[in-house]
N, C-alpha and C. Protein backbone atom coordinates (compact mmCIF):
# COMPACT_ATOMS: atom_id res chain seq x y z
N MET A 1 27.44 -3.12 4.03
CA MET A 1 27.14 -2.70 2.48
C MET A 1 25.69 -1.86 2.43
N THR A 2 25.56 -0.91 1.87
CA THR A 2 24.52 -0.07 1.96
C THR A 2 24.15 0.09 0.37
N VAL A 3 22.93 -0.19 0.28
CA VAL A 3 22.27 -0.34 -1.10
C VAL A 3 21.43 0.93 -1.21
N THR A 4 21.42 1.98 -2.04
CA THR A 4 20.44 2.88 -2.40
C THR A 4 19.85 2.99 -3.69
N ILE A 5 18.54 2.67 -3.40
CA ILE A 5 17.60 2.96 -4.63
C ILE A 5 16.74 4.21 -4.50
N PRO A 6 17.13 4.89 -5.67
CA PRO A 6 16.12 6.18 -5.56
C PRO A 6 14.68 6.00 -5.53
N LEU A 7 13.88 6.74 -4.86
CA LEU A 7 12.51 6.52 -4.53
C LEU A 7 11.75 6.56 -5.75
N GLY A 8 11.99 7.55 -6.64
CA GLY A 8 11.43 7.58 -7.96
C GLY A 8 11.30 6.48 -8.79
N VAL A 9 12.50 5.46 -8.59
CA VAL A 9 12.55 4.45 -9.24
C VAL A 9 11.61 3.12 -8.58
N VAL A 10 11.62 3.31 -7.26
CA VAL A 10 10.68 2.30 -6.58
C VAL A 10 9.07 2.72 -6.93
N GLN A 11 9.00 3.74 -6.78
CA GLN A 11 7.57 4.52 -6.93
C GLN A 11 7.07 4.05 -8.58
N ARG A 12 7.90 4.27 -9.36
CA ARG A 12 7.54 4.03 -10.55
C ARG A 12 7.40 2.53 -11.11
N PHE A 13 8.25 1.65 -10.33
CA PHE A 13 8.18 0.28 -10.54
C PHE A 13 6.66 -0.38 -10.01
N LEU A 14 6.37 0.05 -8.92
CA LEU A 14 5.17 -0.17 -8.13
C LEU A 14 3.88 0.32 -9.06
N VAL A 15 3.90 1.29 -9.50
CA VAL A 15 2.64 1.79 -10.15
C VAL A 15 2.76 1.24 -11.56
N ASP A 16 3.98 1.00 -12.16
CA ASP A 16 4.06 0.03 -13.32
C ASP A 16 3.36 -1.16 -13.20
N ALA A 17 3.72 -1.89 -12.16
CA ALA A 17 3.03 -3.45 -11.95
C ALA A 17 1.97 -3.42 -11.59
N ILE A 18 1.16 -2.63 -10.66
CA ILE A 18 0.11 -2.23 -10.40
C ILE A 18 -0.74 -2.31 -11.65
N PHE A 19 -0.17 -1.13 -12.62
CA PHE A 19 -1.05 -1.03 -13.73
C PHE A 19 -1.07 -2.05 -14.76
N VAL A 20 -0.10 -2.55 -14.87
CA VAL A 20 -0.31 -3.86 -15.66
C VAL A 20 -1.05 -5.03 -15.25
N VAL A 21 -0.85 -5.21 -14.04
CA VAL A 21 -1.81 -6.27 -13.67
C VAL A 21 -3.11 -5.99 -13.77
N ALA A 22 -3.74 -4.51 -13.24
CA ALA A 22 -4.76 -4.37 -13.33
C ALA A 22 -5.59 -4.38 -14.63
N LEU A 23 -4.60 -3.70 -15.84
CA LEU A 23 -4.99 -3.82 -17.18
C LEU A 23 -5.17 -5.43 -17.76
N ALA A 24 -4.25 -6.11 -17.23
CA ALA A 24 -4.40 -7.57 -17.65
C ALA A 24 -5.67 -8.08 -17.03
N GLY A 25 -6.12 -7.99 -16.02
CA GLY A 25 -7.41 -8.60 -15.25
C GLY A 25 -8.37 -7.98 -15.76
N LEU A 26 -8.75 -6.38 -16.37
CA LEU A 26 -9.71 -6.08 -17.01
C LEU A 26 -9.91 -6.57 -18.40
N ALA A 27 -8.75 -6.82 -19.18
CA ALA A 27 -8.55 -7.31 -20.48
C ALA A 27 -9.38 -8.63 -20.72
N VAL A 28 -8.82 -9.58 -19.51
CA VAL A 28 -9.45 -10.85 -19.69
C VAL A 28 -10.64 -11.15 -19.19
N GLU A 29 -11.26 -10.08 -18.34
CA GLU A 29 -12.56 -10.10 -17.70
C GLU A 29 -13.41 -9.46 -19.09
N PHE A 30 -12.92 -8.72 -19.89
CA PHE A 30 -13.83 -8.21 -20.82
C PHE A 30 -13.60 -9.09 -21.90
N ALA A 31 -12.52 -9.72 -22.20
CA ALA A 31 -12.41 -10.85 -23.43
C ALA A 31 -13.56 -11.89 -23.14
N GLN A 32 -13.58 -12.26 -21.95
CA GLN A 32 -14.38 -13.52 -21.62
C GLN A 32 -15.90 -13.12 -21.67
N ASP A 33 -16.21 -11.97 -20.68
CA ASP A 33 -17.71 -11.90 -20.71
C ASP A 33 -18.07 -10.61 -21.63
N GLY A 34 -17.18 -9.75 -22.09
CA GLY A 34 -18.15 -8.69 -23.06
C GLY A 34 -17.85 -9.06 -24.47
N LEU A 35 -16.73 -10.04 -25.11
CA LEU A 35 -16.65 -10.65 -26.19
C LEU A 35 -17.19 -11.93 -26.54
N GLY A 36 -17.32 -12.66 -25.32
CA GLY A 36 -17.57 -14.04 -25.22
C GLY A 36 -16.47 -15.04 -25.79
N LEU A 37 -15.03 -14.62 -25.61
CA LEU A 37 -13.92 -15.65 -26.42
C LEU A 37 -13.88 -16.80 -25.26
N ASP A 38 -13.40 -17.78 -25.94
CA ASP A 38 -12.96 -18.72 -25.07
C ASP A 38 -11.57 -18.57 -24.58
N ASP A 39 -11.25 -19.34 -23.36
CA ASP A 39 -10.09 -19.11 -22.71
C ASP A 39 -9.53 -20.37 -22.52
N PRO A 40 -8.70 -20.90 -23.53
CA PRO A 40 -7.90 -22.33 -23.63
C PRO A 40 -6.70 -22.51 -22.66
N TYR A 41 -6.18 -20.89 -22.48
CA TYR A 41 -5.00 -21.14 -21.42
C TYR A 41 -5.10 -20.74 -20.12
N ASP A 42 -6.15 -20.71 -19.76
CA ASP A 42 -6.94 -20.34 -18.35
C ASP A 42 -6.17 -18.85 -17.86
N LEU A 43 -6.20 -17.80 -18.78
CA LEU A 43 -5.73 -16.58 -18.40
C LEU A 43 -6.74 -15.88 -17.28
N VAL A 44 -8.16 -16.16 -17.71
CA VAL A 44 -9.15 -15.81 -16.58
C VAL A 44 -8.90 -16.03 -15.44
N ASP A 45 -8.70 -17.32 -15.15
CA ASP A 45 -8.51 -17.58 -13.71
C ASP A 45 -7.02 -17.26 -13.21
N LEU A 46 -5.99 -16.72 -14.02
CA LEU A 46 -4.57 -16.38 -13.84
C LEU A 46 -4.49 -14.80 -13.26
N PHE A 47 -5.48 -14.02 -14.08
CA PHE A 47 -5.52 -12.44 -13.86
C PHE A 47 -6.43 -12.08 -13.50
N SER A 48 -7.76 -12.48 -13.49
CA SER A 48 -9.12 -12.01 -13.17
C SER A 48 -9.06 -11.29 -11.65
N LEU A 49 -9.72 -10.26 -11.82
CA LEU A 49 -9.85 -9.32 -10.68
C LEU A 49 -10.94 -9.89 -9.68
N SER A 50 -11.82 -10.76 -10.28
CA SER A 50 -12.74 -11.25 -9.54
C SER A 50 -12.49 -12.50 -8.37
N TYR A 51 -11.49 -13.15 -8.84
CA TYR A 51 -11.17 -14.63 -8.38
C TYR A 51 -9.95 -14.29 -7.43
N GLU A 52 -9.68 -15.43 -6.58
CA GLU A 52 -8.81 -15.40 -5.48
C GLU A 52 -7.65 -16.44 -5.97
N ARG A 53 -6.50 -16.50 -5.45
CA ARG A 53 -5.44 -17.27 -5.58
C ARG A 53 -4.73 -17.05 -7.03
N ASN A 54 -4.61 -15.90 -7.40
CA ASN A 54 -4.06 -15.57 -8.74
C ASN A 54 -3.02 -14.34 -8.72
N ILE A 55 -2.67 -13.95 -9.91
CA ILE A 55 -1.47 -12.81 -9.70
C ILE A 55 -2.06 -11.11 -9.18
N PRO A 56 -3.27 -10.90 -9.20
CA PRO A 56 -3.73 -9.80 -8.58
C PRO A 56 -3.68 -9.81 -7.03
N THR A 57 -4.24 -11.17 -6.74
CA THR A 57 -4.36 -11.20 -5.18
C THR A 57 -2.80 -11.50 -4.76
N TRP A 58 -1.78 -11.98 -5.22
CA TRP A 58 -0.67 -12.36 -4.91
C TRP A 58 0.16 -10.85 -4.85
N LEU A 59 0.05 -10.09 -5.83
CA LEU A 59 0.54 -8.76 -5.80
C LEU A 59 0.29 -8.02 -4.70
N SER A 60 -1.36 -7.84 -4.42
CA SER A 60 -1.67 -7.19 -3.30
C SER A 60 -0.93 -7.70 -2.02
N SER A 61 -1.08 -8.96 -1.61
CA SER A 61 -0.57 -9.42 -0.45
C SER A 61 1.16 -9.46 -0.46
N GLY A 62 1.70 -9.44 -1.61
CA GLY A 62 3.30 -9.12 -1.66
C GLY A 62 3.34 -7.57 -1.53
N LEU A 63 2.56 -6.64 -1.88
CA LEU A 63 2.71 -5.18 -1.38
C LEU A 63 2.42 -5.02 0.23
N HIS A 64 1.40 -5.64 0.87
CA HIS A 64 1.49 -5.62 1.97
C HIS A 64 2.21 -5.97 2.85
N GLY A 65 2.69 -7.52 2.53
CA GLY A 65 3.92 -8.12 3.23
C GLY A 65 5.27 -7.21 2.92
N THR A 66 5.52 -6.63 2.14
CA THR A 66 6.77 -5.81 1.88
C THR A 66 6.72 -4.41 2.71
N ALA A 67 5.68 -4.03 2.66
CA ALA A 67 5.44 -2.50 3.57
C ALA A 67 5.45 -2.98 5.12
N ALA A 68 4.95 -4.12 5.43
CA ALA A 68 5.26 -4.55 7.00
C ALA A 68 6.79 -4.91 7.30
N ILE A 69 7.52 -5.45 6.31
CA ILE A 69 8.55 -5.60 6.62
C ILE A 69 9.43 -4.10 6.46
N LEU A 70 9.27 -3.51 5.67
CA LEU A 70 10.18 -2.46 5.41
C LEU A 70 9.57 -1.42 6.91
N LEU A 71 8.35 -1.44 7.24
CA LEU A 71 8.02 -0.60 8.50
C LEU A 71 8.81 -1.04 9.55
N ALA A 72 9.16 -2.47 9.63
CA ALA A 72 9.73 -3.07 10.97
C ALA A 72 11.23 -2.99 10.76
N VAL A 73 11.87 -2.88 9.69
CA VAL A 73 13.11 -2.46 9.40
C VAL A 73 13.38 -0.97 9.74
N ILE A 74 12.78 -0.09 9.55
CA ILE A 74 12.70 1.33 9.61
C ILE A 74 12.65 1.33 11.10
N ALA A 75 11.66 0.78 12.00
CA ALA A 75 11.39 0.98 13.26
C ALA A 75 12.68 0.40 14.12
N ARG A 76 13.29 -0.80 13.64
CA ARG A 76 14.64 -1.19 14.23
C ARG A 76 15.58 -0.11 14.02
N GLY A 77 15.76 0.34 12.85
CA GLY A 77 16.78 1.49 12.92
C GLY A 77 16.68 2.79 13.55
N LYS A 78 15.30 2.87 13.95
CA LYS A 78 14.98 4.09 14.64
C LYS A 78 15.13 4.17 16.13
N GLN A 79 15.38 2.76 16.63
CA GLN A 79 15.20 2.67 18.07
C GLN A 79 16.25 3.30 19.01
N ASP A 80 17.43 3.82 18.37
CA ASP A 80 18.30 4.63 19.23
C ASP A 80 17.82 6.20 18.95
N MET A 81 16.94 6.59 18.69
CA MET A 81 16.30 7.76 18.38
C MET A 81 15.79 8.38 19.59
N GLY A 82 15.51 7.35 20.41
CA GLY A 82 14.54 7.80 21.87
C GLY A 82 13.01 7.60 21.68
N PRO A 83 12.29 7.79 22.27
CA PRO A 83 10.80 7.39 22.52
C PRO A 83 10.26 8.39 21.45
N PRO A 84 8.98 7.64 20.97
CA PRO A 84 8.48 8.46 19.83
C PRO A 84 7.46 9.48 20.56
N ILE A 85 7.51 9.76 21.86
CA ILE A 85 6.85 10.92 22.45
C ILE A 85 7.83 11.60 23.33
N SER A 86 7.81 12.88 23.23
CA SER A 86 8.46 13.76 24.08
C SER A 86 7.66 14.42 24.89
N VAL A 87 8.21 15.26 26.18
CA VAL A 87 7.22 15.79 27.34
C VAL A 87 7.89 17.03 26.74
N ILE A 88 7.14 18.27 26.59
CA ILE A 88 7.40 19.69 26.22
C ILE A 88 6.19 19.98 27.25
N GLY A 89 6.89 20.84 28.28
CA GLY A 89 6.05 21.92 29.03
C GLY A 89 5.02 20.78 29.92
N GLY A 90 5.41 19.55 30.30
CA GLY A 90 4.69 18.92 31.15
C GLY A 90 3.44 18.16 30.55
N ARG A 91 3.29 18.37 29.24
CA ARG A 91 2.30 17.85 28.28
C ARG A 91 2.96 16.93 27.33
N TYR A 92 2.19 15.89 26.92
CA TYR A 92 2.85 14.83 25.98
C TYR A 92 2.61 15.57 24.50
N ARG A 93 3.53 15.48 23.62
CA ARG A 93 3.30 15.65 22.68
C ARG A 93 3.66 15.11 21.40
N PRO A 94 2.80 14.27 20.49
CA PRO A 94 3.08 13.42 19.65
C PRO A 94 3.88 13.92 18.44
N PHE A 95 4.48 13.12 17.65
CA PHE A 95 5.21 13.45 16.26
C PHE A 95 4.36 14.51 15.42
N LEU A 96 3.23 14.08 15.38
CA LEU A 96 2.51 14.88 14.52
C LEU A 96 1.51 15.63 15.45
N PRO A 97 1.94 16.82 15.78
CA PRO A 97 0.91 17.69 16.50
C PRO A 97 -0.36 18.19 16.01
N ILE A 98 -1.59 18.21 16.57
CA ILE A 98 -2.62 18.50 16.24
C ILE A 98 -2.78 20.30 16.58
N SER A 99 -3.18 21.04 16.08
CA SER A 99 -3.38 22.47 16.73
C SER A 99 -4.64 22.52 17.54
N ARG A 100 -4.29 23.42 18.33
CA ARG A 100 -5.34 23.53 19.43
C ARG A 100 -6.94 23.91 18.95
N SER A 101 -6.84 24.24 17.65
CA SER A 101 -8.03 24.58 17.01
C SER A 101 -8.63 23.31 16.21
N THR A 102 -8.10 22.47 15.95
CA THR A 102 -8.27 21.30 15.24
C THR A 102 -8.55 20.17 16.24
N SER A 103 -9.72 19.34 15.87
CA SER A 103 -10.04 18.26 16.73
C SER A 103 -10.83 17.26 16.11
N LEU A 104 -10.89 16.19 16.08
CA LEU A 104 -11.61 15.10 15.38
C LEU A 104 -13.11 15.42 15.43
N PHE A 105 -13.44 15.65 16.56
CA PHE A 105 -14.79 15.99 16.81
C PHE A 105 -15.33 17.47 17.21
N SER A 106 -15.74 18.31 16.51
CA SER A 106 -16.21 19.64 16.68
C SER A 106 -17.62 19.77 17.29
N PHE A 107 -17.68 20.09 18.46
CA PHE A 107 -19.07 20.62 18.97
C PHE A 107 -19.02 21.94 19.18
N THR A 108 -20.29 22.74 18.84
CA THR A 108 -20.21 24.03 19.49
C THR A 108 -21.54 24.45 19.95
N ARG A 109 -21.83 24.96 21.01
CA ARG A 109 -22.86 25.24 21.72
C ARG A 109 -23.54 26.75 21.30
N ARG A 110 -24.73 26.55 21.21
CA ARG A 110 -25.40 27.93 20.79
C ARG A 110 -26.47 28.36 21.95
């Protein structure tokens, strides 16, 4: 059974989830520190961007965990495609070739 979810739907869901959690975190921080409001329901502890073990931390951890699992699934599915490096003309050529004029460190002598 194959489940197909459009990429745009996934992107929109992730952006909306991050936006809502970040906005809630900023709102509770501003309400407590900026306006001096009390927190009878512990919303600051639950949504604060400054604390650990709350919804923003769980969201971040969940995104990292999901990305790791998806990368493992993709790698497992791509095993039959051969090695990630191919030999062309006696030289190793990675998937994303860097042109000969481009390098990470460029030194010129004068």
